[in-house]
Amino acid sequence: MTPFGQRLRALREAHGVSQAALAEALHVSPAYLSALEHGHRGRPSAGLIHQVNEFFGLIWDDAEEMARLARLSHPRVVLDTAGLSPEATALANRLAREIRKLSPEVIQMLTRVLDGGAVPVDGSTFTAAQGPRPGPAPRHK
């Protein structure tokens, strides 16, 4: 499921709208809407995002959030590693091969590192920007 699909499903369920009813209102097939919710279709068009926003009465920040989630929701990501180190290229390819095997906890940890947070690694703390730092690892609740 993509971020956009997850939010669309949550909105639909919160408003008590079936997939069939929403699909009809948006002039798309129920199969397309299901595939969109489950991340089996590419990112939605700007027109469809606008229709979703209008259907649910989303304005301002909520409407912009739907557009942001749509931008993040392409199920096939292409990484340009031209000019990066061989290690960075190898990492990108390995992540592409193995992402389905990662647990939700590992995904959260990697996200935390990329967001600039520190994570414990072998008795040290590690951040993406600074690399490993000696010292006690922070305790996470």
Foldseek 3Di string as FASTA:
>chain_A
DALLLCVLVVLCVVVVHDLCRVCVQLVHHSVVNVCQNVLNDAQDDPSSLVSSCVVSVNDDPRSVVSVVSSVRRGSDDDDDCVPHDPVVVVVVVVCVVCVVVDDPVVVVVVVCQQVQHWADDPQFIAHPVPGTDHDGGDDDD
